[in-house]
Amino acid sequence: VHLDLKVGGGRGVPLALRRERVDGEVARLTSLGATILYTMDEPNGMEYYAVVLQDPEGNEFCLV
């Protein structure tokens, strides 16, 4: 199971605000033991931003 946790507010929210919300939650979760695996940042008008994390047990999940 792979979870996509929508913490940014969806595509109706401006990219800068979604990025701020996602990064804030990333900071909170990494302080609790999660590890950042990689960031998906789509330029060229796609306006997609997500961070893939791993919990302490090795499970991957995305914050979008």
PDB file of N, CA and C in Angstrom:
ATOM      1  N   VAL A   1       0.848  -1.168   0.000  1.00  0.00           N
ATOM      2  CA  VAL A   1       0.000   0.000   0.000  1.00  0.00           C
ATOM      3  C   VAL A   1       0.897   1.236   0.000  1.00  0.00           C
ATOM      4  N   HIS A   2       0.574   2.164  -0.868  1.00  0.00           N
ATOM      5  CA  HIS A   2       1.305   3.431  -0.934  1.00  0.00           C
ATOM      6  C   HIS A   2       0.295   4.547  -0.707  1.00  0.00           C
ATOM      7  N   LEU A   3       0.556   5.376   0.275  1.00  0.00           N
ATOM      8  CA  LEU A   3      -0.372   6.459   0.604  1.00  0.00           C
ATOM      9  C   LEU A   3       0.082   7.773  -0.012  1.00  0.00           C
ATOM     10  N   ASP A   4      -0.863   8.529  -0.555  1.00  0.00           N
ATOM     11  CA  ASP A   4      -0.658   9.906  -0.972  1.00  0.00           C
ATOM     12  C   ASP A   4      -1.468  10.766  -0.017  1.00  0.00           C
ATOM     13  N   LEU A   5      -0.787  11.496   0.824  1.00  0.00           N
ATOM     14  CA  LEU A   5      -1.451  12.325   1.821  1.00  0.00           C
ATOM     15  C   LEU A   5      -1.541  13.752   1.286  1.00  0.00           C
ATOM     16  N   LYS A   6      -2.740  14.208   1.078  1.00  0.00           N
ATOM     17  CA  LYS A   6      -2.973  15.518   0.463  1.00  0.00           C
ATOM     18  C   LYS A   6      -3.010  16.596   1.536  1.00  0.00           C
ATOM     19  N   VAL A   7      -1.849  17.147   1.837  1.00  0.00           N
ATOM     20  CA  VAL A   7      -1.741  18.177   2.869  1.00  0.00           C
ATOM     21  C   VAL A   7      -1.636  19.574   2.268  1.00  0.00           C
ATOM     22  N   GLY A   8      -1.474  19.660   0.951  1.00  0.00           N
ATOM     23  CA  GLY A   8      -1.268  20.945   0.291  1.00  0.00           C
ATOM     24  C   GLY A   8      -2.536  21.693  -0.049  1.00  0.00           C
ATOM     25  N   GLY A   9      -3.658  20.995  -0.084  1.00  0.00           N
ATOM     26  CA  GLY A   9      -4.922  21.647  -0.380  1.00  0.00           C
ATOM     27  C   GLY A   9      -5.456  21.410  -1.778  1.00  0.00           C
ATOM     28  N   GLY A  10      -4.750  20.688  -2.603  1.00  0.00           N
ATOM     29  CA  GLY A  10      -5.240  20.378  -3.942  1.00  0.00           C
ATOM     30  C   GLY A  10      -4.844  21.423  -4.981  1.00  0.00           C
ATOM     31  N   ARG A  11      -5.120  21.098  -6.225  1.00  0.00           N
ATOM     32  CA  ARG A  11      -4.687  21.949  -7.338  1.00  0.00           C
ATOM     33  C   ARG A  11      -5.370  23.304  -7.393  1.00  0.00           C
ATOM     34  N   GLY A  12      -6.448  23.485  -6.651  1.00  0.00           N
ATOM     35  CA  GLY A  12      -7.107  24.780  -6.606  1.00  0.00           C
ATOM     36  C   GLY A  12      -6.349  25.804  -5.763  1.00  0.00           C
ATOM     37  N   VAL A  13      -5.355  25.336  -5.023  1.00  0.00           N
ATOM     38  CA  VAL A  13      -4.534  26.197  -4.176  1.00  0.00           C
ATOM     39  C   VAL A  13      -3.280  26.573  -4.966  1.00  0.00           C
ATOM     40  N   PRO A  14      -2.851  27.823  -4.932  1.00  0.00           N
ATOM     41  CA  PRO A  14      -1.639  28.224  -5.655  1.00  0.00           C
ATOM     42  C   PRO A  14      -0.429  27.371  -5.267  1.00  0.00           C
ATOM     43  N   LEU A  15       0.420  27.103  -6.248  1.00  0.00           N
ATOM     44  CA  LEU A  15       1.577  26.226  -6.051  1.00  0.00           C
ATOM     45  C   LEU A  15       2.443  26.684  -4.881  1.00  0.00           C
ATOM     46  N   ALA A  16       2.708  27.967  -4.760  1.00  0.00           N
ATOM     47  CA  ALA A  16       3.565  28.455  -3.676  1.00  0.00           C
ATOM     48  C   ALA A  16       2.988  28.095  -2.306  1.00  0.00           C
ATOM     49  N   LEU A  17       1.691  28.214  -2.143  1.00  0.00           N
ATOM     50  CA  LEU A  17       1.051  27.875  -0.868  1.00  0.00           C
ATOM     51  C   LEU A  17       1.048  26.368  -0.641  1.00  0.00           C
ATOM     52  N   ARG A  18       0.780  25.580  -1.702  1.00  0.00           N
ATOM     53  CA  ARG A  18       0.839  24.110  -1.563  1.00  0.00           C
ATOM     54  C   ARG A  18       2.236  23.679  -1.151  1.00  0.00           C
ATOM     55  N   ARG A  19       3.258  24.256  -1.793  1.00  0.00           N
ATOM     56  CA  ARG A  19       4.646  23.909  -1.471  1.00  0.00           C
ATOM     57  C   ARG A  19       4.952  24.247  -0.007  1.00  0.00           C
ATOM     58  N   GLU A  20       4.496  25.400   0.449  1.00  0.00           N
ATOM     59  CA  GLU A  20       4.708  25.811   1.846  1.00  0.00           C
ATOM     60  C   GLU A  20       4.048  24.827   2.810  1.00  0.00           C
ATOM     61  N   ARG A  21       2.829  24.429   2.501  1.00  0.00           N
ATOM     62  CA  ARG A  21       2.113  23.481   3.362  1.00  0.00           C
ATOM     63  C   ARG A  21       2.791  22.119   3.386  1.00  0.00           C
ATOM     64  N   VAL A  22       3.178  21.626   2.212  1.00  0.00           N
ATOM     65  CA  VAL A  22       3.852  20.320   2.125  1.00  0.00           C
ATOM     66  C   VAL A  22       5.172  20.370   2.872  1.00  0.00           C
ATOM     67  N   ASP A  23       5.968  21.411   2.628  1.00  0.00           N
ATOM     68  CA  ASP A  23       7.273  21.507   3.288  1.00  0.00           C
ATOM     69  C   ASP A  23       7.131  21.619   4.801  1.00  0.00           C
ATOM     70  N   GLY A  24       6.099  22.289   5.269  1.00  0.00           N
ATOM     71  CA  GLY A  24       5.865  22.367   6.710  1.00  0.00           C
ATOM     72  C   GLY A  24       5.570  21.006   7.311  1.00  0.00           C
ATOM     73  N   GLU A  25       4.772  20.225   6.608  1.00  0.00           N
ATOM     74  CA  GLU A  25       4.455  18.882   7.096  1.00  0.00           C
ATOM     75  C   GLU A  25       5.659  17.959   6.983  1.00  0.00           C
ATOM     76  N   VAL A  26       6.467  18.135   5.945  1.00  0.00           N
ATOM     77  CA  VAL A  26       7.710  17.362   5.812  1.00  0.00           C
ATOM     78  C   VAL A  26       8.612  17.640   7.015  1.00  0.00           C
ATOM     79  N   ALA A  27       8.752  18.898   7.381  1.00  0.00           N
ATOM     80  CA  ALA A  27       9.586  19.253   8.529  1.00  0.00           C
ATOM     81  C   ALA A  27       9.067  18.593   9.808  1.00  0.00           C
ATOM     82  N   ARG A  28       7.757  18.608   9.985  1.00  0.00           N
ATOM     83  CA  ARG A  28       7.171  17.994  11.175  1.00  0.00           C
ATOM     84  C   ARG A  28       7.430  16.491  11.214  1.00  0.00           C
ATOM     85  N   LEU A  29       7.220  15.830  10.070  1.00  0.00           N
ATOM     86  CA  LEU A  29       7.370  14.373  10.039  1.00  0.00           C
ATOM     87  C   LEU A  29       8.828  13.932  10.119  1.00  0.00           C
ATOM     88  N   THR A  30       9.743  14.693   9.523  1.00  0.00           N
ATOM     89  CA  THR A  30      11.154  14.322   9.647  1.00  0.00           C
ATOM     90  C   THR A  30      11.630  14.497  11.083  1.00  0.00           C
ATOM     91  N   SER A  31      11.059  15.452  11.802  1.00  0.00           N
ATOM     92  CA  SER A  31      11.429  15.610  13.218  1.00  0.00           C
ATOM     93  C   SER A  31      10.937  14.433  14.055  1.00  0.00           C
ATOM     94  N   LEU A  32       9.949  13.700  13.522  1.00  0.00           N
ATOM     95  CA  LEU A  32       9.411  12.531  14.215  1.00  0.00           C
ATOM     96  C   LEU A  32      10.025  11.220  13.734  1.00  0.00           C
ATOM     97  N   GLY A  33      10.993  11.295  12.788  1.00  0.00           N
ATOM     98  CA  GLY A  33      11.692  10.089  12.368  1.00  0.00           C
ATOM     99  C   GLY A  33      11.546   9.698  10.916  1.00  0.00           C
ATOM    100  N   ALA A  34      10.719  10.396  10.148  1.00  0.00           N
ATOM    101  CA  ALA A  34      10.592  10.077   8.718  1.00  0.00           C
ATOM    102  C   ALA A  34      11.853  10.533   7.980  1.00  0.00           C
ATOM    103  N   THR A  35      12.094   9.924   6.832  1.00  0.00           N
ATOM    104  CA  THR A  35      13.242  10.254   5.999  1.00  0.00           C
ATOM    105  C   THR A  35      12.749  10.691   4.632  1.00  0.00           C
ATOM    106  N   ILE A  36      13.329  11.755   4.096  1.00  0.00           N
ATOM    107  CA  ILE A  36      12.988  12.198   2.744  1.00  0.00           C
ATOM    108  C   ILE A  36      13.701  11.305   1.745  1.00  0.00           C
ATOM    109  N   LEU A  37      12.948  10.744   0.806  1.00  0.00           N
ATOM    110  CA  LEU A  37      13.550   9.931  -0.245  1.00  0.00           C
ATOM    111  C   LEU A  37      13.828  10.768  -1.491  1.00  0.00           C
ATOM    112  N   TYR A  38      12.838  11.521  -1.936  1.00  0.00           N
ATOM    113  CA  TYR A  38      13.038  12.427  -3.062  1.00  0.00           C
ATOM    114  C   TYR A  38      11.858  13.378  -3.184  1.00  0.00           C
ATOM    115  N   THR A  39      12.071  14.424  -3.972  1.00  0.00           N
ATOM    116  CA  THR A  39      11.050  15.443  -4.215  1.00  0.00           C
ATOM    117  C   THR A  39      10.639  15.376  -5.674  1.00  0.00           C
ATOM    118  N   MET A  40       9.351  15.475  -5.922  1.00  0.00           N
ATOM    119  CA  MET A  40       8.831  15.528  -7.289  1.00  0.00           C
ATOM    120  C   MET A  40       8.333  16.951  -7.520  1.00  0.00           C
ATOM    121  N   ASP A  41       9.053  17.669  -8.333  1.00  0.00           N
ATOM    122  CA  ASP A  41       8.749  19.062  -8.609  1.00  0.00           C
ATOM    123  C   ASP A  41       8.684  19.213 -10.123  1.00  0.00           C
ATOM    124  N   GLU A  42       7.483  19.314 -10.668  1.00  0.00           N
ATOM    125  CA  GLU A  42       7.278  19.352 -12.108  1.00  0.00           C
ATOM    126  C   GLU A  42       7.240  20.786 -12.628  1.00  0.00           C
ATOM    127  N   PRO A  43       8.280  21.182 -13.346  1.00  0.00           N
ATOM    128  CA  PRO A  43       8.251  22.496 -13.986  1.00  0.00           C
ATOM    129  C   PRO A  43       7.413  22.437 -15.273  1.00  0.00           C
ATOM    130  N   ASN A  44       7.542  23.391 -16.100  1.00  0.00           N
ATOM    131  CA  ASN A  44       6.878  23.416 -17.410  1.00  0.00           C
ATOM    132  C   ASN A  44       5.356  23.495 -17.304  1.00  0.00           C
ATOM    133  N   GLY A  45       4.859  24.240 -16.340  1.00  0.00           N
ATOM    134  CA  GLY A  45       3.427  24.460 -16.247  1.00  0.00           C
ATOM    135  C   GLY A  45       2.622  23.350 -15.606  1.00  0.00           C
ATOM    136  N   MET A  46       3.255  22.261 -15.214  1.00  0.00           N
ATOM    137  CA  MET A  46       2.521  21.158 -14.588  1.00  0.00           C
ATOM    138  C   MET A  46       2.082  21.528 -13.173  1.00  0.00           C
ATOM    139  N   GLU A  47       2.849  22.344 -12.511  1.00  0.00           N
ATOM    140  CA  GLU A  47       2.554  22.788 -11.155  1.00  0.00           C
ATOM    141  C   GLU A  47       2.248  21.639 -10.202  1.00  0.00           C
ATOM    142  N   TYR A  48       3.071  20.608 -10.254  1.00  0.00           N
ATOM    143  CA  TYR A  48       2.924  19.468  -9.356  1.00  0.00           C
ATOM    144  C   TYR A  48       4.098  19.467  -8.393  1.00  0.00           C
ATOM    145  N   TYR A  49       3.821  19.302  -7.116  1.00  0.00           N
ATOM    146  CA  TYR A  49       4.865  19.253  -6.101  1.00  0.00           C
ATOM    147  C   TYR A  49       4.494  18.197  -5.075  1.00  0.00           C
ATOM    148  N   ALA A  50       5.406  17.303  -4.826  1.00  0.00           N
ATOM    149  CA  ALA A  50       5.196  16.256  -3.828  1.00  0.00           C
ATOM    150  C   ALA A  50       6.543  15.840  -3.255  1.00  0.00           C
ATOM    151  N   VAL A  51       6.520  15.343  -2.047  1.00  0.00           N
ATOM    152  CA  VAL A  51       7.725  14.824  -1.408  1.00  0.00           C
ATOM    153  C   VAL A  51       7.440  13.394  -0.992  1.00  0.00           C
ATOM    154  N   VAL A  52       8.332  12.496  -1.389  1.00  0.00           N
ATOM    155  CA  VAL A  52       8.212  11.087  -1.025  1.00  0.00           C
ATOM    156  C   VAL A  52       9.060  10.854   0.218  1.00  0.00           C
ATOM    157  N   LEU A  53       8.418  10.282   1.219  1.00  0.00           N
ATOM    158  CA  LEU A  53       9.076  10.031   2.498  1.00  0.00           C
ATOM    159  C   LEU A  53       9.030   8.546   2.824  1.00  0.00           C
ATOM    160  N   GLN A  54       9.793   8.192   3.831  1.00  0.00           N
ATOM    161  CA  GLN A  54       9.795   6.814   4.337  1.00  0.00           C
ATOM    162  C   GLN A  54       9.666   6.894   5.850  1.00  0.00           C
ATOM    163  N   ASP A  55       8.751   6.098   6.397  1.00  0.00           N
ATOM    164  CA  ASP A  55       8.612   6.089   7.847  1.00  0.00           C
ATOM    165  C   ASP A  55       9.722   5.234   8.467  1.00  0.00           C
ATOM    166  N   PRO A  56       9.875   5.251   9.788  1.00  0.00           N
ATOM    167  CA  PRO A  56      10.969   4.485  10.421  1.00  0.00           C
ATOM    168  C   PRO A  56      10.928   2.983  10.151  1.00  0.00           C
ATOM    169  N   GLU A  57       9.778   2.456   9.752  1.00  0.00           N
ATOM    170  CA  GLU A  57       9.668   1.024   9.448  1.00  0.00           C
ATOM    171  C   GLU A  57       9.940   0.717   7.981  1.00  0.00           C
ATOM    172  N   GLY A  58      10.192   1.751   7.159  1.00  0.00           N
ATOM    173  CA  GLY A  58      10.539   1.537   5.766  1.00  0.00           C
ATOM    174  C   GLY A  58       9.385   1.699   4.788  1.00  0.00           C
ATOM    175  N   ASN A  59       8.206   2.089   5.261  1.00  0.00           N
ATOM    176  CA  ASN A  59       7.063   2.281   4.389  1.00  0.00           C
ATOM    177  C   ASN A  59       7.136   3.647   3.699  1.00  0.00           C
ATOM    178  N   GLU A  60       6.914   3.657   2.388  1.00  0.00           N
ATOM    179  CA  GLU A  60       6.946   4.909   1.628  1.00  0.00           C
ATOM    180  C   GLU A  60       5.567   5.547   1.576  1.00  0.00           C
ATOM    181  N   PHE A  61       5.561   6.868   1.546  1.00  0.00           N
ATOM    182  CA  PHE A  61       4.324   7.620   1.364  1.00  0.00           C
ATOM    183  C   PHE A  61       4.661   8.976   0.784  1.00  0.00           C
ATOM    184  N   CYS A  62       3.673   9.593   0.156  1.00  0.00           N
ATOM    185  CA  CYS A  62       3.866  10.905  -0.474  1.00  0.00           C
ATOM    186  C   CYS A  62       3.053  11.965   0.239  1.00  0.00           C
ATOM    187  N   LEU A  63       3.626  13.141   0.327  1.00  0.00           N
ATOM    188  CA  LEU A  63       2.880  14.317   0.753  1.00  0.00           C
ATOM    189  C   LEU A  63       2.709  15.175  -0.481  1.00  0.00           C
ATOM    190  N   VAL A  64       1.445  15.452  -0.825  1.00  0.00           N
ATOM    191  CA  VAL A  64       1.150  16.281  -2.002  1.00  0.00           C
ATOM    192  C   VAL A  64       0.305  17.458  -1.603  1.00  0.00           C
TER     193      VAL A  64
END
